[in-house]
Amino acid sequence: MIKNKIATGTVHKVPADLRKAVTSDKTVLKTWEDITPLARNEWICWVTSGKKVETRNIRIKKALSKLKGGIRRPCCWAGCIHR
């Protein structure tokens, strides 16, 4: 069984939609738990910074794919401004 409680970022808490997506795949969850809190913070901020629901959903899908492939931070993004 996959747990619902997962590690958070340094500033941001994991929103429900991203938490559900991350916990739905054991490989993604393993990578998520292995990356640094700062890296998790950047994934969370990248996903939630989308203005439209469609953008956010696309970013969640991309995040899952990249995390599943072992990529530890969002690519081609300046980073979370909240650090």
PDB file of N, CA and C in Angstrom:
ATOM      1  N   MET A   1       0.847  -1.192   0.000  1.00  0.00           N
ATOM      2  CA  MET A   1       0.000   0.000   0.000  1.00  0.00           C
ATOM      3  C   MET A   1       0.884   1.245   0.000  1.00  0.00           C
ATOM      4  N   ILE A   2       0.541   2.214  -0.797  1.00  0.00           N
ATOM      5  CA  ILE A   2       1.305   3.457  -0.879  1.00  0.00           C
ATOM      6  C   ILE A   2       0.740   4.447   0.123  1.00  0.00           C
ATOM      7  N   LYS A   3       1.648   5.103   0.838  1.00  0.00           N
ATOM      8  CA  LYS A   3       1.202   6.045   1.864  1.00  0.00           C
ATOM      9  C   LYS A   3       0.700   7.346   1.256  1.00  0.00           C
ATOM     10  N   ASN A   4      -0.188   8.027   1.966  1.00  0.00           N
ATOM     11  CA  ASN A   4      -0.734   9.305   1.501  1.00  0.00           C
ATOM     12  C   ASN A   4       0.096  10.474   1.977  1.00  0.00           C
ATOM     13  N   LYS A   5       0.799  10.316   3.101  1.00  0.00           N
ATOM     14  CA  LYS A   5       1.628  11.396   3.622  1.00  0.00           C
ATOM     15  C   LYS A   5       3.006  11.305   2.960  1.00  0.00           C
ATOM     16  N   ILE A   6       3.439  12.418   2.365  1.00  0.00           N
ATOM     17  CA  ILE A   6       4.739  12.428   1.708  1.00  0.00           C
ATOM     18  C   ILE A   6       5.529  13.648   2.169  1.00  0.00           C
ATOM     19  N   ALA A   7       6.829  13.617   1.894  1.00  0.00           N
ATOM     20  CA  ALA A   7       7.707  14.715   2.266  1.00  0.00           C
ATOM     21  C   ALA A   7       7.305  15.985   1.522  1.00  0.00           C
ATOM     22  N   THR A   8       7.522  17.133   2.161  1.00  0.00           N
ATOM     23  CA  THR A   8       7.147  18.422   1.576  1.00  0.00           C
ATOM     24  C   THR A   8       8.393  19.166   1.101  1.00  0.00           C
ATOM     25  N   GLY A   9       8.178  20.390   0.645  1.00  0.00           N
ATOM     26  CA  GLY A   9       9.274  21.249   0.244  1.00  0.00           C
ATOM     27  C   GLY A   9       9.744  22.099   1.411  1.00  0.00           C
ATOM     28  N   THR A  10      10.644  23.019   1.138  1.00  0.00           N
ATOM     29  CA  THR A  10      11.160  23.888   2.187  1.00  0.00           C
ATOM     30  C   THR A  10      10.173  24.984   2.553  1.00  0.00           C
ATOM     31  N   VAL A  11       9.399  25.423   1.589  1.00  0.00           N
ATOM     32  CA  VAL A  11       8.428  26.490   1.803  1.00  0.00           C
ATOM     33  C   VAL A  11       7.013  25.991   1.526  1.00  0.00           C
ATOM     34  N   HIS A  12       6.868  25.236   0.465  1.00  0.00           N
ATOM     35  CA  HIS A  12       5.547  24.804  -0.007  1.00  0.00           C
ATOM     36  C   HIS A  12       5.146  23.441   0.539  1.00  0.00           C
ATOM     37  N   LYS A  13       3.861  23.312   0.834  1.00  0.00           N
ATOM     38  CA  LYS A  13       3.284  22.013   1.166  1.00  0.00           C
ATOM     39  C   LYS A  13       2.799  21.383  -0.135  1.00  0.00           C
ATOM     40  N   VAL A  14       2.750  20.074  -0.161  1.00  0.00           N
ATOM     41  CA  VAL A  14       2.329  19.371  -1.373  1.00  0.00           C
ATOM     42  C   VAL A  14       0.812  19.483  -1.513  1.00  0.00           C
ATOM     43  N   PRO A  15       0.330  20.073  -2.621  1.00  0.00           N
ATOM     44  CA  PRO A  15      -1.117  20.173  -2.817  1.00  0.00           C
ATOM     45  C   PRO A  15      -1.716  18.785  -3.062  1.00  0.00           C
ATOM     46  N   ALA A  16      -2.992  18.653  -2.785  1.00  0.00           N
ATOM     47  CA  ALA A  16      -3.677  17.357  -2.852  1.00  0.00           C
ATOM     48  C   ALA A  16      -3.538  16.678  -4.213  1.00  0.00           C
ATOM     49  N   ASP A  17      -3.684  17.434  -5.304  1.00  0.00           N
ATOM     50  CA  ASP A  17      -3.620  16.811  -6.629  1.00  0.00           C
ATOM     51  C   ASP A  17      -2.229  16.261  -6.932  1.00  0.00           C
ATOM     52  N   LEU A  18      -1.188  16.984  -6.539  1.00  0.00           N
ATOM     53  CA  LEU A  18       0.174  16.504  -6.761  1.00  0.00           C
ATOM     54  C   LEU A  18       0.481  15.333  -5.834  1.00  0.00           C
ATOM     55  N   ARG A  19       0.025  15.398  -4.589  1.00  0.00           N
ATOM     56  CA  ARG A  19       0.239  14.298  -3.637  1.00  0.00           C
ATOM     57  C   ARG A  19      -0.384  13.008  -4.171  1.00  0.00           C
ATOM     58  N   LYS A  20      -1.615  13.120  -4.664  1.00  0.00           N
ATOM     59  CA  LYS A  20      -2.309  11.948  -5.204  1.00  0.00           C
ATOM     60  C   LYS A  20      -1.532  11.358  -6.382  1.00  0.00           C
ATOM     61  N   ALA A  21      -1.044  12.224  -7.256  1.00  0.00           N
ATOM     62  CA  ALA A  21      -0.299  11.767  -8.426  1.00  0.00           C
ATOM     63  C   ALA A  21       1.020  11.097  -8.021  1.00  0.00           C
ATOM     64  N   VAL A  22       1.754  11.721  -7.111  1.00  0.00           N
ATOM     65  CA  VAL A  22       3.048  11.179  -6.680  1.00  0.00           C
ATOM     66  C   VAL A  22       2.869   9.836  -5.983  1.00  0.00           C
ATOM     67  N   THR A  23       1.853   9.737  -5.138  1.00  0.00           N
ATOM     68  CA  THR A  23       1.661   8.496  -4.391  1.00  0.00           C
ATOM     69  C   THR A  23       1.027   7.382  -5.226  1.00  0.00           C
ATOM     70  N   SER A  24       0.615   7.697  -6.440  1.00  0.00           N
ATOM     71  CA  SER A  24      -0.009   6.687  -7.295  1.00  0.00           C
ATOM     72  C   SER A  24       1.015   5.790  -7.993  1.00  0.00           C
ATOM     73  N   ASP A  25       2.297   6.146  -7.915  1.00  0.00           N
ATOM     74  CA  ASP A  25       3.336   5.378  -8.599  1.00  0.00           C
ATOM     75  C   ASP A  25       4.514   5.168  -7.648  1.00  0.00           C
ATOM     76  N   LYS A  26       4.854   3.924  -7.370  1.00  0.00           N
ATOM     77  CA  LYS A  26       5.919   3.610  -6.409  1.00  0.00           C
ATOM     78  C   LYS A  26       7.275   4.165  -6.831  1.00  0.00           C
ATOM     79  N   THR A  27       7.574   4.138  -8.120  1.00  0.00           N
ATOM     80  CA  THR A  27       8.864   4.650  -8.611  1.00  0.00           C
ATOM     81  C   THR A  27       8.952   6.154  -8.414  1.00  0.00           C
ATOM     82  N   VAL A  28       7.880   6.846  -8.745  1.00  0.00           N
ATOM     83  CA  VAL A  28       7.829   8.297  -8.574  1.00  0.00           C
ATOM     84  C   VAL A  28       7.950   8.647  -7.086  1.00  0.00           C
ATOM     85  N   LEU A  29       7.216   7.934  -6.256  1.00  0.00           N
ATOM     86  CA  LEU A  29       7.246   8.190  -4.819  1.00  0.00           C
ATOM     87  C   LEU A  29       8.654   7.969  -4.257  1.00  0.00           C
ATOM     88  N   LYS A  30       9.320   6.942  -4.714  1.00  0.00           N
ATOM     89  CA  LYS A  30      10.688   6.664  -4.240  1.00  0.00           C
ATOM     90  C   LYS A  30      11.625   7.817  -4.605  1.00  0.00           C
ATOM     91  N   THR A  31      11.530   8.295  -5.833  1.00  0.00           N
ATOM     92  CA  THR A  31      12.358   9.434  -6.252  1.00  0.00           C
ATOM     93  C   THR A  31      11.992  10.669  -5.449  1.00  0.00           C
ATOM     94  N   TRP A  32      10.700  10.919  -5.285  1.00  0.00           N
ATOM     95  CA  TRP A  32      10.218  12.086  -4.533  1.00  0.00           C
ATOM     96  C   TRP A  32      10.805  12.095  -3.124  1.00  0.00           C
ATOM     97  N   GLU A  33      10.770  10.963  -2.466  1.00  0.00           N
ATOM     98  CA  GLU A  33      11.263  10.875  -1.092  1.00  0.00           C
ATOM     99  C   GLU A  33      12.790  10.985  -1.031  1.00  0.00           C
ATOM    100  N   ASP A  34      13.462  10.696  -2.135  1.00  0.00           N
ATOM    101  CA  ASP A  34      14.928  10.723  -2.175  1.00  0.00           C
ATOM    102  C   ASP A  34      15.502  12.105  -2.496  1.00  0.00           C
ATOM    103  N   ILE A  35      14.724  12.963  -3.163  1.00  0.00           N
ATOM    104  CA  ILE A  35      15.258  14.281  -3.527  1.00  0.00           C
ATOM    105  C   ILE A  35      15.249  15.198  -2.306  1.00  0.00           C
ATOM    106  N   THR A  36      15.979  16.282  -2.404  1.00  0.00           N
ATOM    107  CA  THR A  36      16.091  17.219  -1.281  1.00  0.00           C
ATOM    108  C   THR A  36      14.798  18.009  -1.090  1.00  0.00           C
ATOM    109  N   PRO A  37      14.593  18.542   0.109  1.00  0.00           N
ATOM    110  CA  PRO A  37      13.417  19.391   0.324  1.00  0.00           C
ATOM    111  C   PRO A  37      13.394  20.584  -0.640  1.00  0.00           C
ATOM    112  N   LEU A  38      14.552  21.133  -0.978  1.00  0.00           N
ATOM    113  CA  LEU A  38      14.604  22.251  -1.918  1.00  0.00           C
ATOM    114  C   LEU A  38      14.141  21.815  -3.305  1.00  0.00           C
ATOM    115  N   ALA A  39      14.548  20.632  -3.734  1.00  0.00           N
ATOM    116  CA  ALA A  39      14.107  20.114  -5.035  1.00  0.00           C
ATOM    117  C   ALA A  39      12.601  19.865  -5.031  1.00  0.00           C
ATOM    118  N   ARG A  40      12.079  19.296  -3.942  1.00  0.00           N
ATOM    119  CA  ARG A  40      10.627  19.092  -3.848  1.00  0.00           C
ATOM    120  C   ARG A  40       9.907  20.432  -3.898  1.00  0.00           C
ATOM    121  N   ASN A  41      10.465  21.426  -3.224  1.00  0.00           N
ATOM    122  CA  ASN A  41       9.891  22.768  -3.230  1.00  0.00           C
ATOM    123  C   ASN A  41       9.786  23.295  -4.659  1.00  0.00           C
ATOM    124  N   GLU A  42      10.826  23.073  -5.456  1.00  0.00           N
ATOM    125  CA  GLU A  42      10.801  23.551  -6.839  1.00  0.00           C
ATOM    126  C   GLU A  42       9.760  22.820  -7.676  1.00  0.00           C
ATOM    127  N   TRP A  43       9.623  21.505  -7.490  1.00  0.00           N
ATOM    128  CA  TRP A  43       8.578  20.781  -8.215  1.00  0.00           C
ATOM    129  C   TRP A  43       7.198  21.320  -7.845  1.00  0.00           C
ATOM    130  N   ILE A  44       6.968  21.505  -6.555  1.00  0.00           N
ATOM    131  CA  ILE A  44       5.666  22.000  -6.083  1.00  0.00           C
ATOM    132  C   ILE A  44       5.388  23.388  -6.665  1.00  0.00           C
ATOM    133  N   CYS A  45       6.365  24.267  -6.579  1.00  0.00           N
ATOM    134  CA  CYS A  45       6.181  25.633  -7.071  1.00  0.00           C
ATOM    135  C   CYS A  45       5.963  25.641  -8.579  1.00  0.00           C
ATOM    136  N   TRP A  46       6.715  24.815  -9.298  1.00  0.00           N
ATOM    137  CA  TRP A  46       6.580  24.741 -10.755  1.00  0.00           C
ATOM    138  C   TRP A  46       5.171  24.288 -11.126  1.00  0.00           C
ATOM    139  N   VAL A  47       4.680  23.260 -10.458  1.00  0.00           N
ATOM    140  CA  VAL A  47       3.333  22.750 -10.752  1.00  0.00           C
ATOM    141  C   VAL A  47       2.282  23.796 -10.421  1.00  0.00           C
ATOM    142  N   THR A  48       2.380  24.406  -9.261  1.00  0.00           N
ATOM    143  CA  THR A  48       1.321  25.318  -8.808  1.00  0.00           C
ATOM    144  C   THR A  48       1.407  26.709  -9.426  1.00  0.00           C
ATOM    145  N   SER A  49       2.505  27.022 -10.097  1.00  0.00           N
ATOM    146  CA  SER A  49       2.628  28.352 -10.696  1.00  0.00           C
ATOM    147  C   SER A  49       1.873  28.476 -12.016  1.00  0.00           C
ATOM    148  N   GLY A  50       1.369  27.384 -12.540  1.00  0.00           N
ATOM    149  CA  GLY A  50       0.543  27.446 -13.746  1.00  0.00           C
ATOM    150  C   GLY A  50      -0.751  28.192 -13.452  1.00  0.00           C
ATOM    151  N   LYS A  51      -1.147  29.073 -14.336  1.00  0.00           N
ATOM    152  CA  LYS A  51      -2.343  29.901 -14.098  1.00  0.00           C
ATOM    153  C   LYS A  51      -3.649  29.156 -14.372  1.00  0.00           C
ATOM    154  N   LYS A  52      -3.633  28.223 -15.324  1.00  0.00           N
ATOM    155  CA  LYS A  52      -4.846  27.502 -15.700  1.00  0.00           C
ATOM    156  C   LYS A  52      -4.805  26.081 -15.152  1.00  0.00           C
ATOM    157  N   VAL A  53      -5.972  25.528 -14.914  1.00  0.00           N
ATOM    158  CA  VAL A  53      -6.078  24.145 -14.453  1.00  0.00           C
ATOM    159  C   VAL A  53      -5.420  23.205 -15.467  1.00  0.00           C
ATOM    160  N   GLU A  54      -5.622  23.487 -16.747  1.00  0.00           N
ATOM    161  CA  GLU A  54      -5.045  22.645 -17.794  1.00  0.00           C
ATOM    162  C   GLU A  54      -3.523  22.649 -17.716  1.00  0.00           C
ATOM    163  N   THR A  55      -2.944  23.822 -17.489  1.00  0.00           N
ATOM    164  CA  THR A  55      -1.489  23.934 -17.368  1.00  0.00           C
ATOM    165  C   THR A  55      -0.989  23.144 -16.174  1.00  0.00           C
ATOM    166  N   ARG A  56      -1.675  23.284 -15.074  1.00  0.00           N
ATOM    167  CA  ARG A  56      -1.295  22.560 -13.858  1.00  0.00           C
ATOM    168  C   ARG A  56      -1.346  21.047 -14.087  1.00  0.00           C
ATOM    169  N   ASN A  57      -2.408  20.567 -14.727  1.00  0.00           N
ATOM    170  CA  ASN A  57      -2.530  19.135 -15.016  1.00  0.00           C
ATOM    171  C   ASN A  57      -1.423  18.644 -15.937  1.00  0.00           C
ATOM    172  N   ILE A  58      -1.078  19.446 -16.926  1.00  0.00           N
ATOM    173  CA  ILE A  58       0.022  19.098 -17.829  1.00  0.00           C
ATOM    174  C   ILE A  58       1.330  19.024 -17.050  1.00  0.00           C
ATOM    175  N   ARG A  59       1.545  19.977 -16.172  1.00  0.00           N
ATOM    176  CA  ARG A  59       2.779  19.992 -15.381  1.00  0.00           C
ATOM    177  C   ARG A  59       2.856  18.806 -14.427  1.00  0.00           C
ATOM    178  N   ILE A  60       1.739  18.419 -13.848  1.00  0.00           N
ATOM    179  CA  ILE A  60       1.742  17.242 -12.976  1.00  0.00           C
ATOM    180  C   ILE A  60       2.129  16.006 -13.785  1.00  0.00           C
ATOM    181  N   LYS A  61       1.549  15.875 -14.954  1.00  0.00           N
ATOM    182  CA  LYS A  61       1.853  14.741 -15.824  1.00  0.00           C
ATOM    183  C   LYS A  61       3.339  14.724 -16.195  1.00  0.00           C
ATOM    184  N   LYS A  62       3.880  15.888 -16.557  1.00  0.00           N
ATOM    185  CA  LYS A  62       5.301  15.985 -16.904  1.00  0.00           C
ATOM    186  C   LYS A  62       6.185  15.695 -15.696  1.00  0.00           C
ATOM    187  N   ALA A  63       5.783  16.200 -14.536  1.00  0.00           N
ATOM    188  CA  ALA A  63       6.555  15.958 -13.315  1.00  0.00           C
ATOM    189  C   ALA A  63       6.629  14.463 -13.027  1.00  0.00           C
ATOM    190  N   LEU A  64       5.516  13.766 -13.145  1.00  0.00           N
ATOM    191  CA  LEU A  64       5.515  12.324 -12.902  1.00  0.00           C
ATOM    192  C   LEU A  64       6.438  11.606 -13.867  1.00  0.00           C
ATOM    193  N   SER A  65       6.371  11.974 -15.125  1.00  0.00           N
ATOM    194  CA  SER A  65       7.221  11.351 -16.133  1.00  0.00           C
ATOM    195  C   SER A  65       8.703  11.594 -15.838  1.00  0.00           C
ATOM    196  N   LYS A  66       9.040  12.828 -15.505  1.00  0.00           N
ATOM    197  CA  LYS A  66      10.431  13.168 -15.234  1.00  0.00           C
ATOM    198  C   LYS A  66      10.927  12.518 -13.944  1.00  0.00           C
ATOM    199  N   LEU A  67      10.119  12.541 -12.899  1.00  0.00           N
ATOM    200  CA  LEU A  67      10.508  11.898 -11.642  1.00  0.00           C
ATOM    201  C   LEU A  67      10.664  10.394 -11.833  1.00  0.00           C
ATOM    202  N   LYS A  68       9.798   9.807 -12.615  1.00  0.00           N
ATOM    203  CA  LYS A  68       9.890   8.376 -12.896  1.00  0.00           C
ATOM    204  C   LYS A  68      11.192   8.060 -13.624  1.00  0.00           C
ATOM    205  N   GLY A  69      11.653   8.994 -14.442  1.00  0.00           N
ATOM    206  CA  GLY A  69      12.912   8.829 -15.162  1.00  0.00           C
ATOM    207  C   GLY A  69      14.135   9.214 -14.338  1.00  0.00           C
ATOM    208  N   GLY A  70      13.911   9.627 -13.093  1.00  0.00           N
ATOM    209  CA  GLY A  70      15.030   9.954 -12.213  1.00  0.00           C
ATOM    210  C   GLY A  70      15.466  11.406 -12.230  1.00  0.00           C
ATOM    211  N   ILE A  71      14.737  12.256 -12.949  1.00  0.00           N
ATOM    212  CA  ILE A  71      15.089  13.678 -12.987  1.00  0.00           C
ATOM    213  C   ILE A  71      14.664  14.309 -11.672  1.00  0.00           C
ATOM    214  N   ARG A  72      15.590  15.008 -11.043  1.00  0.00           N
ATOM    215  CA  ARG A  72      15.402  15.460  -9.675  1.00  0.00           C
ATOM    216  C   ARG A  72      14.891  16.887  -9.525  1.00  0.00           C
ATOM    217  N   ARG A  73      14.917  17.681 -10.598  1.00  0.00           N
ATOM    218  CA  ARG A  73      14.424  19.066 -10.545  1.00  0.00           C
ATOM    219  C   ARG A  73      13.754  19.422 -11.871  1.00  0.00           C
ATOM    220  N   PRO A  74      12.825  20.380 -11.835  1.00  0.00           N
ATOM    221  CA  PRO A  74      12.210  20.816 -13.095  1.00  0.00           C
ATOM    222  C   PRO A  74      13.279  21.402 -14.023  1.00  0.00           C
ATOM    223  N   CYS A  75      13.198  21.062 -15.274  1.00  0.00           N
ATOM    224  CA  CYS A  75      14.179  21.537 -16.249  1.00  0.00           C
ATOM    225  C   CYS A  75      13.711  22.853 -16.886  1.00  0.00           C
ATOM    226  N   CYS A  76      14.656  23.668 -17.247  1.00  0.00           N
ATOM    227  CA  CYS A  76      14.382  24.892 -18.003  1.00  0.00           C
ATOM    228  C   CYS A  76      13.412  25.811 -17.262  1.00  0.00           C
ATOM    229  N   TRP A  77      13.609  25.932 -15.973  1.00  0.00           N
ATOM    230  CA  TRP A  77      12.765  26.790 -15.143  1.00  0.00           C
ATOM    231  C   TRP A  77      13.693  27.508 -14.184  1.00  0.00           C
ATOM    232  N   ALA A  78      13.467  28.779 -13.985  1.00  0.00           N
ATOM    233  CA  ALA A  78      14.382  29.592 -13.172  1.00  0.00           C
ATOM    234  C   ALA A  78      14.433  29.147 -11.709  1.00  0.00           C
ATOM    235  N   GLY A  79      13.432  28.434 -11.266  1.00  0.00           N
ATOM    236  CA  GLY A  79      13.396  27.968  -9.879  1.00  0.00           C
ATOM    237  C   GLY A  79      12.393  28.732  -9.052  1.00  0.00           C
ATOM    238  N   CYS A  80      12.117  28.205  -7.907  1.00  0.00           N
ATOM    239  CA  CYS A  80      11.137  28.792  -7.009  1.00  0.00           C
ATOM    240  C   CYS A  80      11.626  30.140  -6.506  1.00  0.00           C
ATOM    241  N   ILE A  81      10.779  31.131  -6.600  1.00  0.00           N
ATOM    242  CA  ILE A  81      11.133  32.473  -6.126  1.00  0.00           C
ATOM    243  C   ILE A  81      10.980  32.596  -4.633  1.00  0.00           C
ATOM    244  N   HIS A  82      10.452  31.570  -3.992  1.00  0.00           N
ATOM    245  CA  HIS A  82      10.156  31.616  -2.568  1.00  0.00           C
ATOM    246  C   HIS A  82      11.279  31.094  -1.678  1.00  0.00           C
ATOM    247  N   ARG A  83      12.459  30.822  -2.229  1.00  0.00           N
ATOM    248  CA  ARG A  83      13.545  30.298  -1.409  1.00  0.00           C
ATOM    249  C   ARG A  83      14.146  31.384  -0.556  1.00  0.00           C
TER     250      ARG A  83
END
